[in-house]
Amino acid sequence: DNVVGGEVSLKVAYDKLPFTDCSPDLQGCTTNSGCHVSIPTCRTSGATTKTWYAGVQVSNLKTAGTPLTFTFSWHLTPVVPETITNFDPIIGDVRNGELKHYYVPSEFYGTV
């Protein structure tokens, strides 16, 4: 977020540094303002014995010799579906790049 002075690319990889020839980059984005990278749980499950890496690289610099500035944050959110068992409205919030999951237990089929 808050990219000032050009454009950056952001990539995330497991067990390798991003932006290298041998890197199996999982997700990435390029932006001149801000972007969010979401990695599905199926890609992170079991991927806990080695290190996760994030890399930021200048893609386009507005003024040569002037550093580009940006803000980077890493946010981990476990996927925990919420149960729906009644007719009450669901009120909540969700961040950019995140999902909310809901499920109806089988004993409530036809009642919700």
N, C-alpha and C. Protein backbone atom coordinates (compact mmCIF):
# COMPACT_ATOMS: atom_id res chain seq x y z
N ASP A 1 0.84 -1.19 0.00
CA ASP A 1 0.00 0.00 0.00
C ASP A 1 0.88 1.25 0.00
N ASN A 2 0.27 2.37 -0.22
CA ASN A 2 0.95 3.66 -0.11
C ASN A 2 2.20 3.76 -0.97
N VAL A 3 2.14 3.24 -2.18
CA VAL A 3 3.29 3.29 -3.07
C VAL A 3 3.46 4.72 -3.59
N VAL A 4 4.66 5.28 -3.42
CA VAL A 4 4.93 6.65 -3.86
C VAL A 4 6.23 6.64 -4.66
N GLY A 5 6.19 7.13 -5.89
CA GLY A 5 7.39 7.28 -6.68
C GLY A 5 7.57 6.26 -7.78
N GLY A 6 6.55 5.47 -8.05
CA GLY A 6 6.66 4.50 -9.13
C GLY A 6 5.72 3.33 -8.96
N GLU A 7 6.21 2.15 -9.34
CA GLU A 7 5.39 0.94 -9.31
C GLU A 7 6.22 -0.19 -8.71
N VAL A 8 5.60 -1.02 -7.88
CA VAL A 8 6.30 -2.16 -7.28
C VAL A 8 5.60 -3.46 -7.63
N SER A 9 6.37 -4.53 -7.60
CA SER A 9 5.83 -5.88 -7.70
C SER A 9 6.06 -6.56 -6.37
N LEU A 10 5.06 -7.30 -5.91
CA LEU A 10 5.12 -8.03 -4.66
C LEU A 10 4.89 -9.49 -4.96
N LYS A 11 5.75 -10.37 -4.43
CA LYS A 11 5.57 -11.81 -4.60
C LYS A 11 5.81 -12.52 -3.29
N VAL A 12 5.14 -13.66 -3.13
CA VAL A 12 5.28 -14.49 -1.94
C VAL A 12 5.66 -15.89 -2.39
N ALA A 13 6.60 -16.51 -1.68
CA ALA A 13 7.04 -17.86 -2.04
C ALA A 13 7.37 -18.64 -0.78
N TYR A 14 7.33 -19.96 -0.89
CA TYR A 14 7.63 -20.87 0.23
C TYR A 14 8.99 -21.52 -0.02
N ASP A 15 9.89 -21.41 0.92
CA ASP A 15 11.19 -22.07 0.92
C ASP A 15 12.17 -21.52 -0.11
N LYS A 16 11.83 -20.48 -0.83
CA LYS A 16 12.74 -19.85 -1.79
C LYS A 16 12.50 -18.34 -1.76
N LEU A 17 13.53 -17.59 -2.09
CA LEU A 17 13.35 -16.15 -2.18
C LEU A 17 12.59 -15.80 -3.45
N PRO A 18 11.59 -14.92 -3.38
CA PRO A 18 10.87 -14.50 -4.58
C PRO A 18 11.80 -13.76 -5.55
N PHE A 19 11.38 -13.70 -6.80
CA PHE A 19 12.09 -13.00 -7.87
C PHE A 19 13.42 -13.66 -8.23
N THR A 20 13.60 -14.92 -7.91
CA THR A 20 14.81 -15.64 -8.33
C THR A 20 14.41 -16.69 -9.36
N ASP A 21 15.40 -17.18 -10.11
CA ASP A 21 15.12 -18.15 -11.16
C ASP A 21 14.51 -19.44 -10.63
N CYS A 22 14.87 -19.83 -9.41
CA CYS A 22 14.39 -21.10 -8.86
C CYS A 22 13.17 -20.94 -7.97
N SER A 23 12.63 -19.76 -7.89
CA SER A 23 11.53 -19.49 -6.98
C SER A 23 10.19 -19.92 -7.55
N PRO A 24 9.47 -20.77 -6.83
CA PRO A 24 8.10 -21.10 -7.24
C PRO A 24 7.13 -20.08 -6.64
N ASP A 25 7.16 -18.85 -7.16
CA ASP A 25 6.31 -17.78 -6.60
C ASP A 25 4.85 -18.22 -6.61
N LEU A 26 4.21 -18.12 -5.45
CA LEU A 26 2.82 -18.54 -5.34
C LEU A 26 1.85 -17.49 -5.83
N GLN A 27 2.00 -16.30 -5.33
CA GLN A 27 1.06 -15.24 -5.65
C GLN A 27 1.85 -13.95 -5.81
N GLY A 28 1.31 -13.04 -6.59
CA GLY A 28 1.98 -11.76 -6.75
C GLY A 28 1.05 -10.72 -7.31
N CYS A 29 1.52 -9.49 -7.32
CA CYS A 29 0.76 -8.39 -7.89
C CYS A 29 1.73 -7.27 -8.21
N THR A 30 1.34 -6.40 -9.11
CA THR A 30 2.11 -5.22 -9.47
C THR A 30 1.18 -4.03 -9.36
N THR A 31 1.66 -2.95 -8.73
CA THR A 31 0.77 -1.82 -8.46
C THR A 31 1.55 -0.51 -8.35
N ASN A 32 0.85 0.59 -8.60
CA ASN A 32 1.42 1.90 -8.32
C ASN A 32 0.65 2.59 -7.19
N SER A 33 -0.26 1.84 -6.54
CA SER A 33 -1.01 2.39 -5.41
C SER A 33 -1.06 1.41 -4.24
N GLY A 34 -1.56 0.21 -4.47
CA GLY A 34 -1.65 -0.78 -3.40
C GLY A 34 -2.30 -2.05 -3.90
N CYS A 35 -1.89 -3.18 -3.37
CA CYS A 35 -2.49 -4.45 -3.76
C CYS A 35 -2.44 -5.41 -2.58
N HIS A 36 -3.22 -6.46 -2.66
CA HIS A 36 -3.28 -7.46 -1.61
C HIS A 36 -3.07 -8.83 -2.24
N VAL A 37 -2.25 -9.63 -1.58
CA VAL A 37 -1.98 -10.99 -2.05
C VAL A 37 -2.60 -11.95 -1.05
N SER A 38 -3.48 -12.82 -1.54
CA SER A 38 -4.10 -13.84 -0.68
C SER A 38 -3.62 -15.20 -1.14
N ILE A 39 -3.17 -16.00 -0.19
CA ILE A 39 -2.71 -17.35 -0.50
C ILE A 39 -3.73 -18.32 0.06
N PRO A 40 -4.30 -19.18 -0.78
CA PRO A 40 -5.32 -20.11 -0.30
C PRO A 40 -4.78 -21.07 0.75
N THR A 41 -5.63 -21.46 1.66
CA THR A 41 -5.25 -22.37 2.73
C THR A 41 -4.69 -23.68 2.20
N CYS A 42 -5.20 -24.14 1.06
CA CYS A 42 -4.70 -25.40 0.52
C CYS A 42 -3.23 -25.31 0.13
N ARG A 43 -2.73 -24.10 -0.13
CA ARG A 43 -1.32 -23.92 -0.46
C ARG A 43 -0.47 -23.80 0.80
N THR A 44 -1.06 -23.37 1.90
CA THR A 44 -0.28 -23.18 3.13
C THR A 44 -0.37 -24.37 4.07
N SER A 45 -1.39 -25.22 3.93
CA SER A 45 -1.53 -26.39 4.79
C SER A 45 -0.31 -27.30 4.60
N GLY A 46 0.33 -27.63 5.67
CA GLY A 46 1.50 -28.50 5.61
C GLY A 46 2.78 -27.76 5.26
N ALA A 47 2.67 -26.52 4.82
CA ALA A 47 3.84 -25.74 4.46
C ALA A 47 4.30 -24.93 5.67
N THR A 48 4.68 -25.65 6.72
CA THR A 48 5.04 -24.98 7.96
C THR A 48 6.43 -25.34 8.47
N THR A 49 7.12 -26.23 7.77
CA THR A 49 8.43 -26.65 8.25
C THR A 49 9.56 -25.77 7.75
N LYS A 50 9.30 -24.99 6.72
CA LYS A 50 10.31 -24.09 6.17
C LYS A 50 9.79 -22.66 6.20
N THR A 51 10.55 -21.75 5.65
CA THR A 51 10.25 -20.32 5.77
C THR A 51 9.44 -19.81 4.58
N TRP A 52 8.49 -18.93 4.87
CA TRP A 52 7.76 -18.19 3.84
C TRP A 52 8.49 -16.87 3.63
N TYR A 53 8.62 -16.44 2.37
CA TYR A 53 9.31 -15.20 2.05
C TYR A 53 8.40 -14.30 1.23
N ALA A 54 8.54 -13.00 1.44
CA ALA A 54 7.86 -12.00 0.61
C ALA A 54 8.94 -11.10 0.03
N GLY A 55 8.76 -10.72 -1.21
CA GLY A 55 9.72 -9.83 -1.85
C GLY A 55 9.03 -8.67 -2.53
N VAL A 56 9.67 -7.51 -2.48
CA VAL A 56 9.16 -6.32 -3.14
C VAL A 56 10.25 -5.85 -4.10
N GLN A 57 9.85 -5.57 -5.33
CA GLN A 57 10.80 -5.17 -6.37
C GLN A 57 10.24 -3.97 -7.13
N VAL A 58 11.10 -3.00 -7.46
CA VAL A 58 10.66 -1.85 -8.24
C VAL A 58 10.40 -2.31 -9.67
N SER A 59 9.22 -2.02 -10.19
CA SER A 59 8.86 -2.34 -11.57
C SER A 59 9.01 -1.12 -12.47
N ASN A 60 8.77 0.06 -11.89
CA ASN A 60 8.83 1.29 -12.65
C ASN A 60 9.14 2.42 -11.67
N LEU A 61 10.20 3.16 -11.94
CA LEU A 61 10.61 4.26 -11.06
C LEU A 61 10.34 5.57 -11.78
N LYS A 62 9.60 6.47 -11.12
CA LYS A 62 9.24 7.76 -11.75
C LYS A 62 10.46 8.64 -11.96
N THR A 63 11.32 8.73 -10.95
CA THR A 63 12.49 9.60 -11.03
C THR A 63 13.74 8.79 -10.71
N ALA A 64 14.63 8.66 -11.68
CA ALA A 64 15.86 7.90 -11.49
C ALA A 64 16.65 8.46 -10.30
N GLY A 65 17.16 7.57 -9.48
CA GLY A 65 17.96 7.98 -8.34
C GLY A 65 17.16 8.36 -7.11
N THR A 66 15.83 8.40 -7.22
CA THR A 66 14.98 8.72 -6.08
C THR A 66 14.33 7.44 -5.58
N PRO A 67 14.51 7.12 -4.31
CA PRO A 67 13.92 5.87 -3.81
C PRO A 67 12.40 5.89 -3.86
N LEU A 68 11.85 4.78 -4.16
CA LEU A 68 10.41 4.56 -4.12
C LEU A 68 10.06 4.17 -2.69
N THR A 69 8.93 4.62 -2.17
CA THR A 69 8.51 4.24 -0.83
C THR A 69 7.22 3.43 -0.89
N PHE A 70 7.03 2.56 0.10
CA PHE A 70 5.83 1.72 0.15
C PHE A 70 5.62 1.29 1.59
N THR A 71 4.44 0.74 1.85
CA THR A 71 4.11 0.15 3.15
C THR A 71 3.80 -1.32 2.92
N PHE A 72 4.37 -2.18 3.74
CA PHE A 72 4.17 -3.63 3.60
C PHE A 72 3.71 -4.19 4.94
N SER A 73 2.68 -5.03 4.91
CA SER A 73 2.26 -5.72 6.14
C SER A 73 1.86 -7.14 5.79
N TRP A 74 1.97 -8.02 6.78
CA TRP A 74 1.69 -9.44 6.61
C TRP A 74 0.60 -9.78 7.61
N HIS A 75 -0.49 -10.32 7.13
CA HIS A 75 -1.63 -10.61 8.00
C HIS A 75 -2.07 -12.05 7.77
N LEU A 76 -2.06 -12.85 8.83
CA LEU A 76 -2.49 -14.25 8.75
C LEU A 76 -3.88 -14.38 9.36
N THR A 77 -4.77 -15.02 8.61
CA THR A 77 -6.13 -15.22 9.09
C THR A 77 -6.51 -16.68 8.92
N PRO A 78 -6.79 -17.38 10.02
CA PRO A 78 -7.24 -18.76 9.86
C PRO A 78 -8.64 -18.80 9.24
N VAL A 79 -8.89 -19.83 8.44
CA VAL A 79 -10.21 -19.98 7.83
C VAL A 79 -11.08 -20.78 8.79
N VAL A 80 -12.06 -20.11 9.35
CA VAL A 80 -12.99 -20.75 10.30
C VAL A 80 -14.41 -20.40 9.86
N PRO A 81 -15.10 -21.35 9.22
CA PRO A 81 -16.47 -21.06 8.79
C PRO A 81 -17.39 -20.81 9.98
N GLU A 82 -18.31 -19.87 9.80
CA GLU A 82 -19.30 -19.59 10.83
C GLU A 82 -20.56 -20.40 10.54
N THR A 83 -21.19 -20.90 11.57
CA THR A 83 -22.39 -21.70 11.43
C THR A 83 -23.63 -20.82 11.32
N ILE A 84 -24.50 -21.14 10.37
CA ILE A 84 -25.78 -20.45 10.24
C ILE A 84 -26.87 -21.43 10.67
N THR A 85 -27.62 -21.06 11.71
CA THR A 85 -28.66 -21.98 12.21
C THR A 85 -30.01 -21.29 12.37
N ASN A 86 -30.11 -20.01 11.98
CA ASN A 86 -31.39 -19.33 12.15
C ASN A 86 -31.57 -18.30 11.04
N PHE A 87 -32.62 -17.51 11.12
CA PHE A 87 -32.94 -16.54 10.09
C PHE A 87 -32.36 -15.16 10.37
N ASP A 88 -31.55 -15.02 11.39
CA ASP A 88 -31.00 -13.70 11.73
C ASP A 88 -30.06 -13.22 10.62
N PRO A 89 -30.08 -11.93 10.33
CA PRO A 89 -29.15 -11.39 9.33
C PRO A 89 -27.71 -11.55 9.82
N ILE A 90 -26.82 -11.74 8.88
CA ILE A 90 -25.40 -11.84 9.20
C ILE A 90 -24.78 -10.47 8.99
N ILE A 91 -24.20 -9.93 10.05
CA ILE A 91 -23.55 -8.63 9.99
C ILE A 91 -22.09 -8.86 10.32
N GLY A 92 -21.20 -8.39 9.49
CA GLY A 92 -19.79 -8.60 9.75
C GLY A 92 -18.95 -7.66 8.93
N ASP A 93 -17.66 -7.94 8.91
CA ASP A 93 -16.75 -7.16 8.09
C ASP A 93 -15.72 -8.11 7.47
N VAL A 94 -15.12 -7.67 6.40
CA VAL A 94 -14.11 -8.47 5.72
C VAL A 94 -13.08 -7.51 5.12
N ARG A 95 -11.80 -7.86 5.25
CA ARG A 95 -10.73 -7.04 4.70
C ARG A 95 -10.55 -7.33 3.22
N ASN A 96 -9.94 -6.40 2.52
CA ASN A 96 -9.65 -6.59 1.11
C ASN A 96 -8.75 -7.80 0.94
N GLY A 97 -9.10 -8.70 0.04
CA GLY A 97 -8.31 -9.89 -0.20
C GLY A 97 -8.65 -11.06 0.71
N GLU A 98 -9.58 -10.89 1.64
CA GLU A 98 -9.97 -11.97 2.54
C GLU A 98 -11.36 -12.48 2.17
N LEU A 99 -11.70 -13.61 2.72
CA LEU A 99 -13.02 -14.20 2.52
C LEU A 99 -13.65 -14.50 3.87
N LYS A 100 -14.95 -14.54 3.90
CA LYS A 100 -15.70 -15.05 5.06
C LYS A 100 -16.41 -16.30 4.58
N HIS A 101 -16.44 -17.31 5.40
CA HIS A 101 -17.09 -18.57 5.04
C HIS A 101 -18.21 -18.87 6.03
N TYR A 102 -19.28 -19.44 5.52
CA TYR A 102 -20.44 -19.81 6.33
C TYR A 102 -20.91 -21.19 5.90
N TYR A 103 -21.51 -21.91 6.83
CA TYR A 103 -22.11 -23.19 6.45
C TYR A 103 -23.36 -23.44 7.28
N VAL A 104 -24.24 -24.25 6.69
CA VAL A 104 -25.48 -24.65 7.36
C VAL A 104 -25.35 -26.14 7.68
N PRO A 105 -25.37 -26.53 8.96
CA PRO A 105 -25.32 -27.95 9.31
C PRO A 105 -26.50 -28.70 8.70
N SER A 106 -26.30 -29.94 8.35
CA SER A 106 -27.33 -30.72 7.64
C SER A 106 -28.64 -30.80 8.41
N GLU A 107 -28.61 -30.77 9.73
CA GLU A 107 -29.87 -30.86 10.48
C GLU A 107 -30.74 -29.62 10.32
N PHE A 108 -30.18 -28.54 9.74
CA PHE A 108 -30.95 -27.32 9.52
C PHE A 108 -31.36 -27.14 8.08
N TYR A 109 -31.05 -28.06 7.18
CA TYR A 109 -31.44 -27.92 5.79
C TYR A 109 -32.95 -27.76 5.70
N GLY A 110 -33.37 -26.80 4.91
CA GLY A 110 -34.80 -26.56 4.74
C GLY A 110 -35.41 -25.66 5.79
N THR A 111 -34.64 -25.27 6.84
CA THR A 111 -35.20 -24.42 7.88
C THR A 111 -34.62 -23.02 7.86
N VAL A 112 -33.50 -22.84 7.16
CA VAL A 112 -32.84 -21.53 7.15
C VAL A 112 -33.25 -20.77 5.91
